[in-house]
Amino acid sequence: MTAWEKEGAASVSVRVVGGDGGGTRLRLALADGAGRILARRTGPPGLVEAGKEDRAATRVVGELQALASQSGTALPVDALCVGLAGVGRPERARLVQTALVAAGVAGRVQVVTDAAVALRHAFGSRSGILLIAGTGSVALARDSSGAVRRVGGWGSLLGDDGSGYGLGLGGLRAALRGWEGRGPGTALSHELSQALGVPSPAGFLSWTEEAGKGMVAALAPLVVRMAQEGDEVARGLVEGAVAALVAHVEALMPDPDPGRAGQGSGATRHRPPVALAGGLLSTGGPLRDAILAILATRGFPVREGPVDAARGAVDLALESLPN
């Protein structure tokens, strides 16, 4: 066996898993040591809620076991990197990581944010801005020195501006105001009543109390559809969401180049490439075209192609292995 064949055989024997979990689903990808994707699996939400870190880890373990079973792969794999929404606080990430290590599913375990693995796939180690709008919303930027900055990602109480959850909740609130006469009439009152199967405002309250973030976010396409059909209230909600998401990108703009001062604001600020991800912004997403149009008018180049966050997590898992 040649040296090349030995190296190839070794890479094939290595198994790593990368994961991307948000408020809607958890995606896992199994790869070999050369980074070739061997199998994928999509499961239930991967959002980590405060005080429920063990529960989130249990979901990851269950989906990983199912992926191993469907692909004929034995556990533990050599490395696991999973990016999860809700682990922006280091202590929360550590709790999930500790539970995954204790489960013995991988020789090496990393737990990072879902945005971090998406940024990795979008730009590798290059500079750029990643804007994510799905159940929640967040934006990350990597500059030429490799430093990463974040805006947004503050959750349902303090953030989620422009997100599916924000749009869905805004639609519910507007529907109630219109129903009671506290606000302008809107088709959202009837449409959401039909969609949820509730005949009265009291039913909205009962439904919302039982619904998770993903269920509320799933109402966003209905709000967008009502806006496209001419409902002024829905249109205002969508325009507000788009403006909030563009503000994420603008907030991550690099500082003006002092060496080019006096040449106009457009000349003094470099426009880094922007990648779009999440259910609202991915190809076919209900807000993608509106965001693209605004970014184009402001001179931002847009990275084409989908962002595969699970693929980014695979790359990070491979990097964690010893050379």
Protein backbone atom coordinates (compact mmCIF):
# COMPACT_ATOMS: atom_id res chain seq x y z
CA MET A 1 0.00 0.00 0.00
CA THR A 2 1.39 3.39 -0.99
CA ALA A 3 1.64 6.32 1.42
CA TRP A 4 -1.25 8.00 -0.42
CA GLU A 5 -3.40 4.90 -0.10
CA LYS A 6 -2.61 4.66 3.62
CA GLU A 7 -3.58 8.28 4.12
CA GLY A 8 -6.79 7.74 2.16
CA ALA A 9 -7.69 4.66 4.15
CA ALA A 10 -7.07 6.52 7.40
CA SER A 11 -9.31 9.40 6.35
CA VAL A 12 -12.11 7.01 5.42
CA SER A 13 -11.94 5.33 8.84
CA VAL A 14 -12.42 8.68 10.60
CA ARG A 15 -16.00 9.71 11.30
CA VAL A 16 -17.15 13.16 12.44
CA VAL A 17 -20.56 14.77 12.83
CA GLY A 18 -21.51 18.41 12.41
CA GLY A 19 -24.82 19.79 13.62
CA ASP A 20 -26.91 22.93 13.27
CA GLY A 21 -29.90 23.40 15.56
CA GLY A 22 -32.39 26.24 15.75
CA GLY A 23 -35.95 26.86 16.82
CA THR A 24 -37.40 24.85 13.93
CA ARG A 25 -35.13 21.85 13.38
CA LEU A 26 -31.82 20.14 14.08
CA ARG A 27 -29.70 19.13 11.11
CA LEU A 28 -26.84 16.64 11.41
CA ALA A 29 -24.23 15.66 8.83
CA LEU A 30 -21.91 12.65 9.07
CA ALA A 31 -18.58 12.95 7.24
CA ASP A 32 -15.34 11.02 6.84
CA GLY A 33 -11.86 12.31 7.57
CA ALA A 34 -11.60 13.89 4.11
CA GLY A 35 -14.74 15.93 4.76
CA ARG A 36 -16.98 13.93 2.43
CA ILE A 37 -20.59 13.98 3.61
CA LEU A 38 -21.79 10.39 4.06
CA ALA A 39 -25.26 10.90 5.51
CA ARG A 40 -27.60 13.59 6.77
CA ARG A 41 -30.52 13.71 9.14
CA THR A 42 -33.09 16.37 10.05
CA GLY A 43 -34.86 16.19 13.39
CA PRO A 44 -36.84 18.27 15.90
CA PRO A 45 -35.84 21.76 17.09
CA GLY A 46 -32.33 22.27 18.46
CA LEU A 47 -33.03 25.42 20.47
CA VAL A 48 -31.47 25.38 23.95
CA GLU A 49 -33.72 26.96 26.57
CA ALA A 50 -32.56 28.22 29.94
CA GLY A 51 -32.63 25.46 32.53
CA LYS A 52 -33.25 22.80 29.87
CA GLU A 53 -29.71 22.19 28.69
CA ASP A 54 -29.86 18.47 29.55
CA ARG A 55 -33.04 18.13 27.52
CA ALA A 56 -31.37 19.75 24.51
CA ALA A 57 -28.37 17.43 24.84
CA THR A 58 -30.71 14.43 25.01
CA ARG A 59 -32.32 15.50 21.71
CA VAL A 60 -28.91 15.77 20.07
CA VAL A 61 -27.90 12.35 21.38
CA GLY A 62 -31.13 10.78 20.13
CA GLU A 63 -30.74 12.25 16.65
CA LEU A 64 -27.07 11.28 16.54
CA GLN A 65 -27.94 7.70 17.46
CA ALA A 66 -30.59 7.67 14.73
CA LEU A 67 -28.10 9.04 12.20
CA ALA A 68 -25.55 6.40 13.20
CA SER A 69 -28.16 3.68 12.84
CA GLN A 70 -29.36 4.78 9.41
CA SER A 71 -25.79 5.06 8.12
CA GLY A 72 -24.38 1.93 9.72
CA THR A 73 -21.87 3.93 11.74
CA ALA A 74 -20.74 2.88 15.20
CA LEU A 75 -20.65 5.36 18.05
CA PRO A 76 -18.69 7.11 19.37
CA VAL A 77 -17.60 9.08 16.33
CA ASP A 78 -14.18 10.73 16.43
CA ALA A 79 -15.48 14.27 16.80
CA LEU A 80 -18.75 16.15 17.12
CA CYS A 81 -19.32 19.86 16.63
CA VAL A 82 -22.85 21.11 17.05
CA GLY A 83 -24.01 24.69 16.68
CA LEU A 84 -27.16 25.39 18.68
CA ALA A 85 -29.38 28.42 19.07
CA GLY A 86 -29.53 29.58 22.66
CA VAL A 87 -25.93 28.82 23.72
CA GLY A 88 -24.59 32.34 23.33
CA ARG A 89 -23.86 32.33 27.06
CA PRO A 90 -20.69 30.28 27.68
CA GLU A 91 -22.10 28.61 30.78
CA ARG A 92 -25.08 27.29 28.82
CA ALA A 93 -22.80 25.89 26.11
CA ARG A 94 -20.67 24.21 28.78
CA LEU A 95 -23.71 22.51 30.29
CA VAL A 96 -24.75 21.05 26.95
CA GLN A 97 -21.17 20.04 26.13
CA THR A 98 -20.74 18.31 29.52
CA ALA A 99 -23.93 16.32 28.93
CA LEU A 100 -22.81 15.27 25.44
CA VAL A 101 -19.39 14.20 26.71
CA ALA A 102 -21.06 12.16 29.46
CA ALA A 103 -23.23 10.44 26.84
CA GLY A 104 -20.08 9.10 25.17
CA VAL A 105 -21.23 9.79 21.61
CA ALA A 106 -17.94 11.35 20.40
CA GLY A 107 -14.27 11.37 21.26
CA ARG A 108 -14.15 15.16 21.01
CA VAL A 109 -17.13 17.46 21.53
CA GLN A 110 -17.61 21.14 20.71
CA VAL A 111 -20.77 23.15 21.37
CA VAL A 112 -20.96 26.56 19.69
CA THR A 113 -23.74 28.82 18.45
CA ASP A 114 -25.70 28.01 15.31
CA ALA A 115 -24.51 31.33 13.88
CA ALA A 116 -20.86 30.35 14.35
CA VAL A 117 -21.15 27.20 12.23
CA ALA A 118 -23.12 29.06 9.57
CA LEU A 119 -20.46 31.78 9.43
CA ARG A 120 -17.80 29.12 8.99
CA HIS A 121 -19.51 27.67 5.93
CA ALA A 122 -20.40 31.05 4.48
CA PHE A 123 -16.91 32.55 4.54
CA GLY A 124 -14.43 30.03 5.93
CA SER A 125 -11.71 32.16 7.48
CA ARG A 126 -12.39 35.10 5.15
CA SER A 127 -14.09 38.36 6.10
CA GLY A 128 -17.79 38.93 5.58
CA ILE A 129 -21.15 39.49 7.24
CA LEU A 130 -23.65 36.71 7.87
CA LEU A 131 -27.29 37.68 8.42
CA ILE A 132 -29.58 34.97 9.80
CA ALA A 133 -33.35 35.27 10.10
CA GLY A 134 -35.29 32.15 10.93
CA THR A 135 -37.12 31.51 14.15
CA GLY A 136 -34.76 34.11 15.67
CA SER A 137 -32.39 36.66 14.17
CA VAL A 138 -28.70 37.45 14.53
CA ALA A 139 -25.80 38.75 12.45
CA LEU A 140 -22.08 38.03 12.69
CA ALA A 141 -19.15 39.71 10.98
CA ARG A 142 -15.56 38.51 10.62
CA ASP A 143 -13.01 41.20 9.75
CA SER A 144 -9.67 40.91 7.98
CA SER A 145 -7.88 40.18 11.26
CA GLY A 146 -10.18 37.24 12.00
CA ALA A 147 -12.04 38.97 14.84
CA VAL A 148 -15.77 38.19 15.01
CA ARG A 149 -18.46 40.65 16.10
CA ARG A 150 -22.13 39.94 16.74
CA VAL A 151 -25.31 42.00 16.81
CA GLY A 152 -28.75 40.69 17.68
CA GLY A 153 -29.34 37.17 18.90
CA TRP A 154 -30.87 38.39 22.17
CA GLY A 155 -33.83 36.02 22.22
CA SER A 156 -37.56 36.58 22.32
CA LEU A 157 -37.61 39.02 25.25
CA LEU A 158 -34.89 41.43 24.14
CA GLY A 159 -34.30 40.68 20.47
CA ASP A 160 -35.50 38.55 17.55
CA ASP A 161 -36.05 41.75 15.54
CA GLY A 162 -37.06 40.85 11.99
CA SER A 163 -37.27 37.15 12.81
CA GLY A 164 -40.00 34.64 12.06
CA TYR A 165 -40.97 34.73 15.72
CA GLY A 166 -41.08 38.52 15.69
CA LEU A 167 -43.26 38.58 12.57
CA GLY A 168 -45.58 35.86 13.85
CA LEU A 169 -46.01 37.52 17.24
CA GLY A 170 -46.51 40.90 15.59
CA GLY A 171 -49.23 39.39 13.41
CA LEU A 172 -51.00 37.91 16.42
CA ARG A 173 -50.90 41.23 18.29
CA ALA A 174 -52.13 43.19 15.26
CA ALA A 175 -54.94 40.69 14.72
CA LEU A 176 -56.12 41.11 18.30
CA ARG A 177 -55.97 44.90 18.12
CA GLY A 178 -57.96 44.90 14.89
CA TRP A 179 -60.47 42.42 16.29
CA GLU A 180 -61.13 44.61 19.33
CA GLY A 181 -61.04 47.94 17.53
CA ARG A 182 -57.90 49.14 19.31
CA GLY A 183 -56.08 49.30 16.02
CA PRO A 184 -56.77 49.37 12.29
CA GLY A 185 -58.80 46.56 10.81
CA THR A 186 -56.69 43.87 9.18
CA ALA A 187 -57.22 40.66 7.28
CA LEU A 188 -54.82 39.09 9.76
CA SER A 189 -57.67 38.80 12.28
CA HIS A 190 -59.64 36.46 10.02
CA GLU A 191 -56.68 34.66 8.46
CA LEU A 192 -54.94 33.87 11.75
CA SER A 193 -58.25 32.83 13.32
CA GLN A 194 -58.71 30.34 10.47
CA ALA A 195 -55.11 29.16 10.53
CA LEU A 196 -55.15 28.52 14.28
CA GLY A 197 -58.68 27.17 14.42
CA VAL A 198 -59.76 29.65 17.09
CA PRO A 199 -63.00 31.67 16.81
CA SER A 200 -62.28 34.41 19.35
CA PRO A 201 -59.51 36.49 20.97
CA ALA A 202 -59.60 34.19 23.98
CA GLY A 203 -58.59 31.36 21.68
CA PHE A 204 -55.54 33.35 20.57
CA LEU A 205 -54.39 33.54 24.18
CA SER A 206 -54.84 29.81 24.80
CA TRP A 207 -53.02 28.92 21.58
CA THR A 208 -50.10 31.26 22.27
CA GLU A 209 -49.67 29.98 25.82
CA GLU A 210 -49.24 26.45 24.48
CA ALA A 211 -47.17 27.33 21.41
CA GLY A 212 -43.37 27.21 21.30
CA LYS A 213 -41.23 29.73 19.46
CA GLY A 214 -41.19 27.58 16.35
CA MET A 215 -44.99 27.48 16.14
CA VAL A 216 -45.24 31.27 16.42
CA ALA A 217 -42.47 31.70 13.84
CA ALA A 218 -44.35 29.39 11.46
CA LEU A 219 -46.99 32.14 11.15
CA ALA A 220 -44.52 34.51 9.47
CA PRO A 221 -45.21 33.33 5.88
CA LEU A 222 -48.92 34.04 6.42
CA VAL A 223 -48.11 37.61 7.52
CA VAL A 224 -45.90 38.06 4.45
CA ARG A 225 -48.64 36.68 2.20
CA MET A 226 -51.17 39.12 3.64
CA ALA A 227 -48.72 41.95 2.98
CA GLN A 228 -48.29 40.83 -0.63
CA GLU A 229 -52.09 40.76 -1.01
CA GLY A 230 -52.33 44.38 0.04
CA ASP A 231 -53.11 44.34 3.76
CA GLU A 232 -51.62 47.58 5.11
CA VAL A 233 -51.10 46.31 8.66
CA ALA A 234 -49.29 43.22 7.45
CA ARG A 235 -47.26 45.34 5.04
CA GLY A 236 -46.14 47.55 7.91
CA LEU A 237 -45.03 44.50 9.89
CA VAL A 238 -43.02 43.13 6.96
CA GLU A 239 -41.42 46.49 6.19
CA GLY A 240 -40.45 46.81 9.83
CA ALA A 241 -38.91 43.34 9.82
CA VAL A 242 -36.89 44.08 6.69
CA ALA A 243 -35.66 47.38 8.11
CA ALA A 244 -34.64 45.66 11.36
CA LEU A 245 -32.64 43.02 9.49
CA VAL A 246 -30.87 45.59 7.30
CA ALA A 247 -29.99 47.46 10.50
CA HIS A 248 -28.17 44.33 11.70
CA VAL A 249 -25.94 44.47 8.62
CA GLU A 250 -25.33 48.21 8.84
CA ALA A 251 -24.36 47.90 12.51
CA LEU A 252 -21.55 45.51 11.55
CA MET A 253 -20.03 47.77 8.93
CA PRO A 254 -16.29 48.30 9.49
CA ASP A 255 -15.12 51.71 10.62
CA PRO A 256 -14.36 54.21 7.84
CA ASP A 257 -10.86 54.04 6.42
CA PRO A 258 -9.12 57.16 7.78
CA GLY A 259 -6.75 57.10 4.82
CA ARG A 260 -9.64 57.82 2.46
CA ALA A 261 -11.33 60.57 4.47
CA GLY A 262 -12.95 63.37 2.52
CA GLN A 263 -13.93 61.14 -0.42
CA GLY A 264 -17.59 60.75 0.60
CA SER A 265 -19.25 58.26 2.90
CA GLY A 266 -19.69 55.70 0.12
CA ALA A 267 -15.98 55.77 -0.64
CA THR A 268 -14.75 55.71 2.93
CA ARG A 269 -16.58 52.61 4.06
CA HIS A 270 -15.70 49.22 2.63
CA ARG A 271 -18.75 47.09 1.86
CA PRO A 272 -17.97 43.50 2.85
CA PRO A 273 -19.83 40.59 1.26
CA VAL A 274 -23.05 39.49 2.95
CA ALA A 275 -24.40 35.95 3.20
CA LEU A 276 -28.04 35.23 4.01
CA ALA A 277 -29.29 32.25 5.99
CA GLY A 278 -32.35 31.08 7.92
CA GLY A 279 -35.84 30.22 6.78
CA LEU A 280 -36.83 33.81 5.98
CA LEU A 281 -33.71 34.59 3.95
CA SER A 282 -32.53 31.35 2.34
CA THR A 283 -33.32 30.71 -1.34
CA GLY A 284 -37.09 30.92 -1.69
CA GLY A 285 -37.48 32.52 1.76
CA PRO A 286 -40.28 35.10 2.05
CA LEU A 287 -38.02 38.06 2.91
CA ARG A 288 -35.00 37.23 0.74
CA ASP A 289 -35.89 39.32 -2.31
CA ALA A 290 -36.71 42.39 -0.25
CA ILE A 291 -33.42 42.16 1.66
CA LEU A 292 -31.44 41.57 -1.53
CA ALA A 293 -32.96 44.65 -3.15
CA ILE A 294 -31.99 46.91 -0.24
CA LEU A 295 -28.49 45.46 0.07
CA ALA A 296 -27.96 46.05 -3.66
CA THR A 297 -28.97 49.72 -3.41
CA ARG A 298 -26.50 50.16 -0.55
CA GLY A 299 -23.62 48.57 -2.40
CA PHE A 300 -23.26 45.29 -0.49
CA PRO A 301 -22.08 42.33 -2.57
CA VAL A 302 -24.09 39.21 -1.70
CA ARG A 303 -22.61 35.73 -1.45
CA GLU A 304 -24.50 33.44 -3.78
CA GLY A 305 -25.55 29.92 -2.93
CA PRO A 306 -27.02 28.37 0.20
CA VAL A 307 -25.34 28.46 3.59
CA ASP A 308 -24.94 24.90 4.90
CA ALA A 309 -24.37 25.36 8.63
CA ALA A 310 -24.08 21.62 9.29
CA ARG A 311 -21.28 21.52 6.71
CA GLY A 312 -19.55 24.34 8.58
CA ALA A 313 -19.85 22.33 11.79
CA VAL A 314 -18.27 19.33 10.05
CA ASP A 315 -15.28 21.49 9.14
CA LEU A 316 -14.88 22.62 12.75
CA ALA A 317 -15.17 19.01 13.97
CA LEU A 318 -12.39 17.96 11.58
CA GLU A 319 -10.18 20.81 12.77
CA SER A 320 -10.53 19.61 16.36
CA LEU A 321 -8.83 16.30 15.54
CA PRO A 322 -5.09 15.92 16.13
CA ASN A 323 -2.93 16.11 13.02
